[in-house]
Amino acid sequence: MGAPAEAMALGNSSQVTEFILLGLSDKRELQVLYFTFFFLAYAMVLLGNLLIIVTVRSDPKLSSPMYFLLCHLSFIDICCTSITSPRLLVDLLFQRKSIAFEACVAQLFFLHFAGASEMFLLTVMAYDRYAAICKPLHYTALMNRQVCWVLVSACWAGGFLHSIVQTLLTIQLPFCGPNKIDNFFCDVTPVIRLACTDVYVTEWLMASNSGFISLLCFLVLVTSYTFILVTIRVRFTEGHWKALSTCGSHVLVVTLFFVPCIFIYLWPFSPSPSDKHICVIYTVICPVMNPLIYTLRNNEVKASMWKLWKSCRVS
């Protein structure tokens, strides 16, 4: 009997029932510092993104496709951060950071579901800016409310399909020990490294799935913004420079979100140092920055928030 078959037999007889999350650090002083940082970051994500959702929903002036998509981006950011941050905050308070096998798989599924949906949504937002700037006469037809709903639904459906593939490829592997995950949440990369069988083919399948999606979306985004820059270079109007400012903020968010994902998921996994500190960028920092970028650099949103604040004070 070959080694893979022996590993499969062993996995059937001693299946791992829980994993140990090693977290970001085992030093108590750093754990306290991390807890303070992530608690404040999670609070900012919740408050900032909820404020954007309430503001967009309450002001009829913010009914354009850009704000419709921004509202959905805020909702996805809340979902992405809520999948990892609450668990991380609890783990930082205790020494033994165990997570049940089923809970680990669920976290992996929902993380890739929300993460891939956000990738697709950011791509749609780039297309929206391209249509608004490069095709202004056809913008109303290209991005009406029905089209927006179809595109957002397609983002969620694409994220679900991607996550299902990643999850099925993971749970079909035998896990018979070790069970220590060198990360602060369950992700495909560190989890499949613990499988007691050859995962070479699985690594390539997962890399081609996650990495290809990340790279393809990023290339579409770069192409969209290239067309936008070319168009703005020809038309030196105040409205187009204002659009360029909005796009510049979007480019910053996209870069911070996609570059770490491409770095982690594009090539097959190897026994390299943990990428857990890089994961902090797209799981925590990006959701924190989105409300700041889309509000502090947008006069319409700031005016609507001020109007909402005054109405709340009066009531």
C-alpha atoms as a PDB file:
ATOM      1  CA  MET A   1       0.000   0.000   0.000  1.00  0.00           C
ATOM      2  CA  GLY A   2       1.381   3.458  -0.975  1.00  0.00           C
ATOM      3  CA  ALA A   3       1.942   6.403   1.337  1.00  0.00           C
ATOM      4  CA  PRO A   4      -1.150   8.362   0.229  1.00  0.00           C
ATOM      5  CA  ALA A   5      -3.334   5.304   0.809  1.00  0.00           C
ATOM      6  CA  GLU A   6      -1.809   4.771   4.242  1.00  0.00           C
ATOM      7  CA  ALA A   7      -2.407   8.416   5.105  1.00  0.00           C
ATOM      8  CA  MET A   8      -6.026   8.083   3.977  1.00  0.00           C
ATOM      9  CA  ALA A   9      -6.525   5.047   6.150  1.00  0.00           C
ATOM     10  CA  LEU A  10      -4.966   6.816   9.097  1.00  0.00           C
ATOM     11  CA  GLY A  11      -7.135   9.876   8.459  1.00  0.00           C
ATOM     12  CA  ASN A  12     -10.267   7.719   8.558  1.00  0.00           C
ATOM     13  CA  SER A  13      -9.271   6.244  11.907  1.00  0.00           C
ATOM     14  CA  SER A  14      -8.063   9.393  13.651  1.00  0.00           C
ATOM     15  CA  GLN A  15      -9.802  12.363  12.093  1.00  0.00           C
ATOM     16  CA  VAL A  16      -8.849  15.739  13.565  1.00  0.00           C
ATOM     17  CA  THR A  17     -11.778  17.224  15.502  1.00  0.00           C
ATOM     18  CA  GLU A  18     -10.280  20.642  16.243  1.00  0.00           C
ATOM     19  CA  PHE A  19      -7.496  22.963  15.184  1.00  0.00           C
ATOM     20  CA  ILE A  20      -5.250  25.204  17.268  1.00  0.00           C
ATOM     21  CA  LEU A  21      -4.876  28.761  15.977  1.00  0.00           C
ATOM     22  CA  LEU A  22      -1.405  30.032  16.841  1.00  0.00           C
ATOM     23  CA  GLY A  23      -2.514  33.642  16.335  1.00  0.00           C
ATOM     24  CA  LEU A  24      -0.300  36.615  15.644  1.00  0.00           C
ATOM     25  CA  SER A  25       1.928  36.268  18.704  1.00  0.00           C
ATOM     26  CA  ASP A  26       2.327  34.243  21.897  1.00  0.00           C
ATOM     27  CA  LYS A  27       3.750  37.177  23.871  1.00  0.00           C
ATOM     28  CA  ARG A  28       1.255  38.603  26.353  1.00  0.00           C
ATOM     29  CA  GLU A  29       2.380  42.204  25.866  1.00  0.00           C
ATOM     30  CA  LEU A  30       1.858  41.991  22.108  1.00  0.00           C
ATOM     31  CA  GLN A  31      -1.472  40.246  22.591  1.00  0.00           C
ATOM     32  CA  VAL A  32      -2.746  43.173  24.653  1.00  0.00           C
ATOM     33  CA  LEU A  33      -1.511  45.586  22.003  1.00  0.00           C
ATOM     34  CA  TYR A  34      -3.111  43.547  19.207  1.00  0.00           C
ATOM     35  CA  PHE A  35      -6.381  43.314  21.132  1.00  0.00           C
ATOM     36  CA  THR A  36      -6.554  47.106  21.503  1.00  0.00           C
ATOM     37  CA  PHE A  37      -5.746  47.654  17.820  1.00  0.00           C
ATOM     38  CA  PHE A  38      -8.191  45.081  16.442  1.00  0.00           C
ATOM     39  CA  PHE A  39     -10.968  46.100  18.830  1.00  0.00           C
ATOM     40  CA  LEU A  40     -10.714  49.724  17.711  1.00  0.00           C
ATOM     41  CA  ALA A  41     -10.419  48.659  14.070  1.00  0.00           C
ATOM     42  CA  TYR A  42     -13.502  46.408  14.297  1.00  0.00           C
ATOM     43  CA  ALA A  43     -15.490  49.171  15.977  1.00  0.00           C
ATOM     44  CA  MET A  44     -14.486  51.590  13.196  1.00  0.00           C
ATOM     45  CA  VAL A  45     -15.492  49.075  10.534  1.00  0.00           C
ATOM     46  CA  LEU A  46     -18.929  48.560  12.071  1.00  0.00           C
ATOM     47  CA  LEU A  47     -19.659  52.211  12.816  1.00  0.00           C
ATOM     48  CA  GLY A  48     -18.164  53.606   9.610  1.00  0.00           C
ATOM     49  CA  ASN A  49     -19.786  51.178   7.209  1.00  0.00           C
ATOM     50  CA  LEU A  50     -23.142  51.228   8.993  1.00  0.00           C
ATOM     51  CA  LEU A  51     -23.052  55.019   8.800  1.00  0.00           C
ATOM     52  CA  ILE A  52     -22.463  54.836   5.040  1.00  0.00           C
ATOM     53  CA  ILE A  53     -25.345  52.380   4.590  1.00  0.00           C
ATOM     54  CA  VAL A  54     -27.759  54.487   6.649  1.00  0.00           C
ATOM     55  CA  THR A  55     -26.679  57.695   4.909  1.00  0.00           C
ATOM     56  CA  VAL A  56     -27.067  56.291   1.394  1.00  0.00           C
ATOM     57  CA  ARG A  57     -30.409  54.699   2.211  1.00  0.00           C
ATOM     58  CA  SER A  58     -31.812  57.832   3.836  1.00  0.00           C
ATOM     59  CA  ASP A  59     -30.803  60.460   1.247  1.00  0.00           C
ATOM     60  CA  PRO A  60     -32.565  60.356  -2.162  1.00  0.00           C
ATOM     61  CA  LYS A  61     -29.723  62.419  -3.629  1.00  0.00           C
ATOM     62  CA  LEU A  62     -27.432  59.433  -3.161  1.00  0.00           C
ATOM     63  CA  SER A  63     -29.435  57.162  -5.447  1.00  0.00           C
ATOM     64  CA  SER A  64     -26.882  56.934  -8.254  1.00  0.00           C
ATOM     65  CA  PRO A  65     -25.309  53.552  -9.142  1.00  0.00           C
ATOM     66  CA  MET A  66     -21.994  54.592  -7.534  1.00  0.00           C
ATOM     67  CA  TYR A  67     -23.601  54.993  -4.115  1.00  0.00           C
ATOM     68  CA  PHE A  68     -25.769  51.907  -4.616  1.00  0.00           C
ATOM     69  CA  LEU A  69     -22.586  49.867  -5.138  1.00  0.00           C
ATOM     70  CA  LEU A  70     -20.836  51.665  -2.283  1.00  0.00           C
ATOM     71  CA  CYS A  71     -23.659  50.640   0.037  1.00  0.00           C
ATOM     72  CA  HIS A  72     -23.164  46.999  -0.907  1.00  0.00           C
ATOM     73  CA  LEU A  73     -19.393  47.319  -0.506  1.00  0.00           C
ATOM     74  CA  SER A  74     -19.935  48.574   3.036  1.00  0.00           C
ATOM     75  CA  PHE A  75     -22.159  45.584   3.793  1.00  0.00           C
ATOM     76  CA  ILE A  76     -19.551  43.145   2.442  1.00  0.00           C
ATOM     77  CA  ASP A  77     -16.820  44.853   4.477  1.00  0.00           C
ATOM     78  CA  ILE A  78     -18.876  44.326   7.632  1.00  0.00           C
ATOM     79  CA  CYS A  79     -19.316  40.657   6.709  1.00  0.00           C
ATOM     80  CA  CYS A  80     -15.624  40.105   5.920  1.00  0.00           C
ATOM     81  CA  THR A  81     -14.418  41.632   9.169  1.00  0.00           C
ATOM     82  CA  SER A  82     -17.093  39.956  11.283  1.00  0.00           C
ATOM     83  CA  ILE A  83     -15.956  36.552  10.033  1.00  0.00           C
ATOM     84  CA  THR A  84     -12.473  36.926  11.542  1.00  0.00           C
ATOM     85  CA  SER A  85     -12.304  39.808  14.049  1.00  0.00           C
ATOM     86  CA  PRO A  86     -14.689  38.614  16.820  1.00  0.00           C
ATOM     87  CA  ARG A  87     -12.947  35.248  16.937  1.00  0.00           C
ATOM     88  CA  LEU A  88      -9.545  36.953  16.946  1.00  0.00           C
ATOM     89  CA  LEU A  89     -10.526  39.263  19.813  1.00  0.00           C
ATOM     90  CA  VAL A  90     -11.696  36.312  21.912  1.00  0.00           C
ATOM     91  CA  ASP A  91      -8.559  34.310  21.146  1.00  0.00           C
ATOM     92  CA  LEU A  92      -6.322  37.216  22.193  1.00  0.00           C
ATOM     93  CA  LEU A  93      -7.838  37.006  25.677  1.00  0.00           C
ATOM     94  CA  PHE A  94      -7.123  33.290  26.165  1.00  0.00           C
ATOM     95  CA  GLN A  95      -4.012  31.146  25.891  1.00  0.00           C
ATOM     96  CA  ARG A  96      -5.506  28.085  24.149  1.00  0.00           C
ATOM     97  CA  LYS A  97      -6.995  29.110  20.813  1.00  0.00           C
ATOM     98  CA  SER A  98      -8.845  26.006  19.642  1.00  0.00           C
ATOM     99  CA  ILE A  99     -11.533  25.924  16.965  1.00  0.00           C
ATOM    100  CA  ALA A 100     -13.702  22.933  16.069  1.00  0.00           C
ATOM    101  CA  PHE A 101     -13.141  21.336  12.669  1.00  0.00           C
ATOM    102  CA  GLU A 102     -16.677  22.208  11.532  1.00  0.00           C
ATOM    103  CA  ALA A 103     -16.310  25.816  12.726  1.00  0.00           C
ATOM    104  CA  CYS A 104     -12.982  26.082  10.907  1.00  0.00           C
ATOM    105  CA  VAL A 105     -14.547  24.885   7.653  1.00  0.00           C
ATOM    106  CA  ALA A 106     -17.462  27.286   8.119  1.00  0.00           C
ATOM    107  CA  GLN A 107     -15.086  30.207   8.679  1.00  0.00           C
ATOM    108  CA  LEU A 108     -13.102  29.248   5.594  1.00  0.00           C
ATOM    109  CA  PHE A 109     -16.282  29.043   3.514  1.00  0.00           C
ATOM    110  CA  PHE A 110     -17.755  32.382   4.568  1.00  0.00           C
ATOM    111  CA  LEU A 111     -14.396  34.158   4.319  1.00  0.00           C
ATOM    112  CA  HIS A 112     -13.927  33.126   0.694  1.00  0.00           C
ATOM    113  CA  PHE A 113     -17.614  33.759  -0.021  1.00  0.00           C
ATOM    114  CA  ALA A 114     -17.432  37.361   1.178  1.00  0.00           C
ATOM    115  CA  GLY A 115     -13.876  37.934  -0.075  1.00  0.00           C
ATOM    116  CA  ALA A 116     -14.536  36.781  -3.641  1.00  0.00           C
ATOM    117  CA  SER A 117     -17.831  38.702  -3.697  1.00  0.00           C
ATOM    118  CA  GLU A 118     -15.917  41.853  -2.736  1.00  0.00           C
ATOM    119  CA  MET A 119     -13.394  41.247  -5.525  1.00  0.00           C
ATOM    120  CA  PHE A 120     -16.193  41.021  -8.066  1.00  0.00           C
ATOM    121  CA  LEU A 121     -17.960  44.056  -6.600  1.00  0.00           C
ATOM    122  CA  LEU A 122     -14.809  46.198  -6.762  1.00  0.00           C
ATOM    123  CA  THR A 123     -14.521  45.182 -10.416  1.00  0.00           C
ATOM    124  CA  VAL A 124     -18.126  46.242 -11.021  1.00  0.00           C
ATOM    125  CA  MET A 125     -17.442  49.570  -9.297  1.00  0.00           C
ATOM    126  CA  ALA A 126     -14.506  50.119 -11.652  1.00  0.00           C
ATOM    127  CA  TYR A 127     -16.783  49.392 -14.614  1.00  0.00           C
ATOM    128  CA  ASP A 128     -19.308  51.884 -13.213  1.00  0.00           C
ATOM    129  CA  ARG A 129     -16.639  54.623 -13.111  1.00  0.00           C
ATOM    130  CA  TYR A 130     -15.525  53.666 -16.624  1.00  0.00           C
ATOM    131  CA  ALA A 131     -19.088  53.947 -17.936  1.00  0.00           C
ATOM    132  CA  ALA A 132     -19.664  57.263 -16.134  1.00  0.00           C
ATOM    133  CA  ILE A 133     -16.483  58.904 -17.427  1.00  0.00           C
ATOM    134  CA  CYS A 134     -15.841  57.266 -20.791  1.00  0.00           C
ATOM    135  CA  LYS A 135     -19.460  56.646 -21.868  1.00  0.00           C
ATOM    136  CA  PRO A 136     -21.410  59.519 -20.248  1.00  0.00           C
ATOM    137  CA  LEU A 137     -24.137  59.653 -22.906  1.00  0.00           C
ATOM    138  CA  HIS A 138     -24.929  55.948 -22.444  1.00  0.00           C
ATOM    139  CA  TYR A 139     -24.347  55.801 -18.689  1.00  0.00           C
ATOM    140  CA  THR A 140     -28.038  55.813 -17.727  1.00  0.00           C
ATOM    141  CA  ALA A 141     -28.738  52.851 -19.982  1.00  0.00           C
ATOM    142  CA  LEU A 142     -25.568  50.963 -19.060  1.00  0.00           C
ATOM    143  CA  MET A 143     -25.990  51.330 -15.285  1.00  0.00           C
ATOM    144  CA  ASN A 144     -29.704  51.567 -14.532  1.00  0.00           C
ATOM    145  CA  ARG A 145     -31.092  50.134 -11.291  1.00  0.00           C
ATOM    146  CA  GLN A 146     -32.042  46.801 -12.835  1.00  0.00           C
ATOM    147  CA  VAL A 147     -28.547  46.329 -14.255  1.00  0.00           C
ATOM    148  CA  CYS A 148     -27.046  47.237 -10.875  1.00  0.00           C
ATOM    149  CA  TRP A 149     -29.095  44.581  -9.116  1.00  0.00           C
ATOM    150  CA  VAL A 150     -28.115  41.978 -11.712  1.00  0.00           C
ATOM    151  CA  LEU A 151     -24.427  42.843 -11.336  1.00  0.00           C
ATOM    152  CA  VAL A 152     -24.540  42.753  -7.523  1.00  0.00           C
ATOM    153  CA  SER A 153     -26.403  39.418  -7.595  1.00  0.00           C
ATOM    154  CA  ALA A 154     -23.783  38.067  -9.981  1.00  0.00           C
ATOM    155  CA  CYS A 155     -21.052  39.161  -7.538  1.00  0.00           C
ATOM    156  CA  TRP A 156     -22.645  37.207  -4.695  1.00  0.00           C
ATOM    157  CA  ALA A 157     -23.295  34.186  -6.935  1.00  0.00           C
ATOM    158  CA  GLY A 158     -19.693  34.214  -8.163  1.00  0.00           C
ATOM    159  CA  GLY A 159     -18.402  34.462  -4.598  1.00  0.00           C
ATOM    160  CA  PHE A 160     -20.602  31.548  -3.528  1.00  0.00           C
ATOM    161  CA  LEU A 161     -19.439  29.355  -6.416  1.00  0.00           C
ATOM    162  CA  HIS A 162     -15.795  30.161  -5.717  1.00  0.00           C
ATOM    163  CA  SER A 163     -16.178  29.421  -2.006  1.00  0.00           C
ATOM    164  CA  ILE A 164     -17.975  26.130  -2.621  1.00  0.00           C
ATOM    165  CA  VAL A 165     -15.080  24.938  -4.801  1.00  0.00           C
ATOM    166  CA  GLN A 166     -12.477  25.944  -2.203  1.00  0.00           C
ATOM    167  CA  THR A 167     -14.417  24.317   0.640  1.00  0.00           C
ATOM    168  CA  LEU A 168     -15.061  21.032  -1.194  1.00  0.00           C
ATOM    169  CA  LEU A 169     -11.400  20.753  -2.145  1.00  0.00           C
ATOM    170  CA  THR A 170     -10.496  21.232   1.533  1.00  0.00           C
ATOM    171  CA  ILE A 171     -12.937  18.876   3.262  1.00  0.00           C
ATOM    172  CA  GLN A 172     -12.137  15.963   0.945  1.00  0.00           C
ATOM    173  CA  LEU A 173      -8.613  15.890   2.406  1.00  0.00           C
ATOM    174  CA  PRO A 174      -7.769  13.619   5.374  1.00  0.00           C
ATOM    175  CA  PHE A 175      -6.635  15.414   8.551  1.00  0.00           C
ATOM    176  CA  CYS A 176      -5.053  13.099  11.106  1.00  0.00           C
ATOM    177  CA  GLY A 177      -2.593  15.515  12.766  1.00  0.00           C
ATOM    178  CA  PRO A 178      -0.829  17.866  13.306  1.00  0.00           C
ATOM    179  CA  ASN A 179      -3.576  20.378  13.982  1.00  0.00           C
ATOM    180  CA  LYS A 180      -1.802  23.709  14.600  1.00  0.00           C
ATOM    181  CA  ILE A 181      -2.675  26.503  12.136  1.00  0.00           C
ATOM    182  CA  ASP A 182      -0.068  29.249  11.927  1.00  0.00           C
ATOM    183  CA  ASN A 183      -2.633  32.014  11.469  1.00  0.00           C
ATOM    184  CA  PHE A 184      -5.355  33.869  13.386  1.00  0.00           C
ATOM    185  CA  PHE A 185      -8.186  32.419  11.278  1.00  0.00           C
ATOM    186  CA  CYS A 186      -8.887  29.368   9.130  1.00  0.00           C
ATOM    187  CA  ASP A 187      -7.862  29.858   5.525  1.00  0.00           C
ATOM    188  CA  VAL A 188      -7.222  27.448   2.687  1.00  0.00           C
ATOM    189  CA  THR A 189      -3.463  27.957   2.604  1.00  0.00           C
ATOM    190  CA  PRO A 190      -2.547  27.005   6.199  1.00  0.00           C
ATOM    191  CA  VAL A 191      -5.313  24.405   6.575  1.00  0.00           C
ATOM    192  CA  ILE A 192      -4.437  22.157   3.637  1.00  0.00           C
ATOM    193  CA  ARG A 193      -0.778  22.165   4.738  1.00  0.00           C
ATOM    194  CA  LEU A 194      -1.971  20.027   7.673  1.00  0.00           C
ATOM    195  CA  ALA A 195      -3.492  17.305   5.491  1.00  0.00           C
ATOM    196  CA  CYS A 196      -1.820  13.913   5.905  1.00  0.00           C
ATOM    197  CA  THR A 197      -1.666  13.177   2.195  1.00  0.00           C
ATOM    198  CA  ASP A 198      -0.083  14.556  -0.959  1.00  0.00           C
ATOM    199  CA  VAL A 199      -1.835  17.866  -1.734  1.00  0.00           C
ATOM    200  CA  TYR A 200       0.165  18.846  -4.823  1.00  0.00           C
ATOM    201  CA  VAL A 201      -2.823  18.612  -7.184  1.00  0.00           C
ATOM    202  CA  THR A 202      -5.131  20.263  -4.670  1.00  0.00           C
ATOM    203  CA  GLU A 203      -2.674  23.124  -4.231  1.00  0.00           C
ATOM    204  CA  TRP A 204      -2.613  23.750  -7.973  1.00  0.00           C
ATOM    205  CA  LEU A 205      -6.405  23.596  -8.229  1.00  0.00           C
ATOM    206  CA  MET A 206      -6.862  26.051  -5.367  1.00  0.00           C
ATOM    207  CA  ALA A 207      -4.136  28.350  -6.639  1.00  0.00           C
ATOM    208  CA  SER A 208      -5.626  28.388 -10.128  1.00  0.00           C
ATOM    209  CA  ASN A 209      -9.032  29.144  -8.601  1.00  0.00           C
ATOM    210  CA  SER A 210      -8.235  31.882  -6.044  1.00  0.00           C
ATOM    211  CA  GLY A 211      -5.143  33.211  -7.769  1.00  0.00           C
ATOM    212  CA  PHE A 212      -6.745  33.352 -11.206  1.00  0.00           C
ATOM    213  CA  ILE A 213      -9.800  35.184  -9.889  1.00  0.00           C
ATOM    214  CA  SER A 214      -7.648  37.714  -8.025  1.00  0.00           C
ATOM    215  CA  LEU A 215      -5.362  38.321 -11.001  1.00  0.00           C
ATOM    216  CA  LEU A 216      -8.171  38.486 -13.563  1.00  0.00           C
ATOM    217  CA  CYS A 217     -10.203  40.985 -11.533  1.00  0.00           C
ATOM    218  CA  PHE A 218      -7.094  43.072 -10.917  1.00  0.00           C
ATOM    219  CA  LEU A 219      -6.252  43.155 -14.645  1.00  0.00           C
ATOM    220  CA  VAL A 220      -9.808  44.217 -15.479  1.00  0.00           C
ATOM    221  CA  LEU A 221      -9.529  46.978 -12.890  1.00  0.00           C
ATOM    222  CA  VAL A 222      -6.195  48.169 -14.270  1.00  0.00           C
ATOM    223  CA  THR A 223      -7.651  48.190 -17.799  1.00  0.00           C
ATOM    224  CA  SER A 224     -10.689  50.191 -16.672  1.00  0.00           C
ATOM    225  CA  TYR A 225      -8.606  52.828 -14.919  1.00  0.00           C
ATOM    226  CA  THR A 226      -6.233  53.024 -17.880  1.00  0.00           C
ATOM    227  CA  PHE A 227      -9.157  53.942 -20.134  1.00  0.00           C
ATOM    228  CA  ILE A 228     -10.349  56.442 -17.519  1.00  0.00           C
ATOM    229  CA  LEU A 229      -6.936  58.120 -17.321  1.00  0.00           C
ATOM    230  CA  VAL A 230      -6.724  58.349 -21.109  1.00  0.00           C
ATOM    231  CA  THR A 231     -10.194  59.888 -21.283  1.00  0.00           C
ATOM    232  CA  ILE A 232      -9.471  62.419 -18.530  1.00  0.00           C
ATOM    233  CA  ARG A 233      -6.193  63.364 -20.169  1.00  0.00           C
ATOM    234  CA  VAL A 234      -8.133  64.429 -23.272  1.00  0.00           C
ATOM    235  CA  ARG A 235     -10.996  66.183 -21.445  1.00  0.00           C
ATOM    236  CA  PHE A 236      -9.720  68.795 -18.988  1.00  0.00           C
ATOM    237  CA  THR A 237     -13.038  69.638 -17.353  1.00  0.00           C
ATOM    238  CA  GLU A 238     -13.632  70.205 -13.667  1.00  0.00           C
ATOM    239  CA  GLY A 239     -16.121  67.350 -13.530  1.00  0.00           C
ATOM    240  CA  HIS A 240     -13.610  64.896 -14.929  1.00  0.00           C
ATOM    241  CA  TRP A 241     -10.924  65.959 -12.454  1.00  0.00           C
ATOM    242  CA  LYS A 242     -13.444  65.409  -9.677  1.00  0.00           C
ATOM    243  CA  ALA A 243     -14.079  61.935 -11.077  1.00  0.00           C
ATOM    244  CA  LEU A 244     -10.326  61.352 -11.164  1.00  0.00           C
ATOM    245  CA  SER A 245     -10.133  62.129  -7.452  1.00  0.00           C
ATOM    246  CA  THR A 246     -12.848  59.560  -6.767  1.00  0.00           C
ATOM    247  CA  CYS A 247     -11.074  56.997  -8.930  1.00  0.00           C
ATOM    248  CA  GLY A 248      -7.785  57.680  -7.167  1.00  0.00           C
ATOM    249  CA  SER A 249      -9.378  56.693  -3.865  1.00  0.00           C
ATOM    250  CA  HIS A 250     -10.789  53.577  -5.485  1.00  0.00           C
ATOM    251  CA  VAL A 251      -7.365  52.640  -6.885  1.00  0.00           C
ATOM    252  CA  LEU A 252      -5.854  52.875  -3.387  1.00  0.00           C
ATOM    253  CA  VAL A 253      -8.503  50.523  -1.966  1.00  0.00           C
ATOM    254  CA  VAL A 254      -8.112  48.104  -4.863  1.00  0.00           C
ATOM    255  CA  THR A 255      -4.328  47.997  -4.546  1.00  0.00           C
ATOM    256  CA  LEU A 256      -4.415  47.319  -0.805  1.00  0.00           C
ATOM    257  CA  PHE A 257      -7.013  44.596  -1.282  1.00  0.00           C
ATOM    258  CA  PHE A 258      -5.803  42.779  -4.391  1.00  0.00           C
ATOM    259  CA  VAL A 259      -2.013  42.842  -4.092  1.00  0.00           C
ATOM    260  CA  PRO A 260      -1.910  40.802  -0.824  1.00  0.00           C
ATOM    261  CA  CYS A 261      -4.487  38.359  -2.224  1.00  0.00           C
ATOM    262  CA  ILE A 262      -2.479  37.847  -5.406  1.00  0.00           C
ATOM    263  CA  PHE A 263       0.689  37.419  -3.353  1.00  0.00           C
ATOM    264  CA  ILE A 264      -0.880  34.722  -1.169  1.00  0.00           C
ATOM    265  CA  TYR A 265      -3.135  32.815  -3.574  1.00  0.00           C
ATOM    266  CA  LEU A 266      -1.585  33.092  -7.037  1.00  0.00           C
ATOM    267  CA  TRP A 267       1.041  30.342  -6.827  1.00  0.00           C
ATOM    268  CA  PRO A 268       0.929  26.850  -5.253  1.00  0.00           C
ATOM    269  CA  PHE A 269       1.507  26.792  -1.539  1.00  0.00           C
ATOM    270  CA  SER A 270       4.967  25.968  -0.305  1.00  0.00           C
ATOM    271  CA  PRO A 271       6.431  25.495   3.193  1.00  0.00           C
ATOM    272  CA  SER A 272       7.247  29.206   3.465  1.00  0.00           C
ATOM    273  CA  PRO A 273       6.884  31.532   6.465  1.00  0.00           C
ATOM    274  CA  SER A 274       3.350  32.363   7.484  1.00  0.00           C
ATOM    275  CA  ASP A 275       1.481  35.042   5.577  1.00  0.00           C
ATOM    276  CA  LYS A 276      -0.699  35.888   8.573  1.00  0.00           C
ATOM    277  CA  HIS A 277       0.580  39.460   8.925  1.00  0.00           C
ATOM    278  CA  ILE A 278      -0.146  40.081   5.242  1.00  0.00           C
ATOM    279  CA  CYS A 279      -3.686  38.765   5.803  1.00  0.00           C
ATOM    280  CA  VAL A 280      -4.276  41.621   8.265  1.00  0.00           C
ATOM    281  CA  ILE A 281      -4.182  44.054   5.330  1.00  0.00           C
ATOM    282  CA  TYR A 282      -7.231  42.721   3.477  1.00  0.00           C
ATOM    283  CA  THR A 283      -9.159  41.357   6.472  1.00  0.00           C
ATOM    284  CA  VAL A 284      -8.872  44.398   8.761  1.00  0.00           C
ATOM    285  CA  ILE A 285      -7.072  47.400   7.294  1.00  0.00           C
ATOM    286  CA  CYS A 286      -8.989  47.601   3.993  1.00  0.00           C
ATOM    287  CA  PRO A 287     -12.446  47.477   5.651  1.00  0.00           C
ATOM    288  CA  VAL A 288     -11.267  50.248   8.011  1.00  0.00           C
ATOM    289  CA  MET A 289     -10.003  52.428   5.173  1.00  0.00           C
ATOM    290  CA  ASN A 290     -13.048  52.090   2.918  1.00  0.00           C
ATOM    291  CA  PRO A 291     -15.369  54.292   5.035  1.00  0.00           C
ATOM    292  CA  LEU A 292     -12.616  56.888   5.509  1.00  0.00           C
ATOM    293  CA  ILE A 293     -11.740  57.077   1.821  1.00  0.00           C
ATOM    294  CA  TYR A 294     -15.293  57.097   0.525  1.00  0.00           C
ATOM    295  CA  THR A 295     -16.520  59.692   3.042  1.00  0.00           C
ATOM    296  CA  LEU A 296     -13.648  62.072   3.755  1.00  0.00           C
ATOM    297  CA  ARG A 297     -12.941  62.485   0.026  1.00  0.00           C
ATOM    298  CA  ASN A 298     -16.587  62.740  -1.033  1.00  0.00           C
ATOM    299  CA  ASN A 299     -18.379  66.036  -0.407  1.00  0.00           C
ATOM    300  CA  GLU A 300     -21.811  64.624  -1.270  1.00  0.00           C
ATOM    301  CA  VAL A 301     -21.540  61.862   1.318  1.00  0.00           C
ATOM    302  CA  LYS A 302     -20.184  64.265   3.953  1.00  0.00           C
ATOM    303  CA  ALA A 303     -23.036  66.702   3.295  1.00  0.00           C
ATOM    304  CA  SER A 304     -25.602  63.904   3.573  1.00  0.00           C
ATOM    305  CA  MET A 305     -24.044  62.678   6.825  1.00  0.00           C
ATOM    306  CA  TRP A 306     -24.150  66.188   8.269  1.00  0.00           C
ATOM    307  CA  LYS A 307     -27.791  66.498   7.211  1.00  0.00           C
ATOM    308  CA  LEU A 308     -28.560  63.134   8.820  1.00  0.00           C
ATOM    309  CA  TRP A 309     -26.785  64.214  12.028  1.00  0.00           C
ATOM    310  CA  LYS A 310     -28.785  67.440  12.232  1.00  0.00           C
ATOM    311  CA  SER A 311     -32.070  65.640  11.647  1.00  0.00           C
ATOM    312  CA  CYS A 312     -31.218  63.129  14.389  1.00  0.00           C
ATOM    313  CA  ARG A 313     -30.430  65.940  16.822  1.00  0.00           C
ATOM    314  CA  VAL A 314     -33.731  67.699  16.048  1.00  0.00           C
ATOM    315  CA  SER A 315     -35.730  64.503  16.479  1.00  0.00           C
END
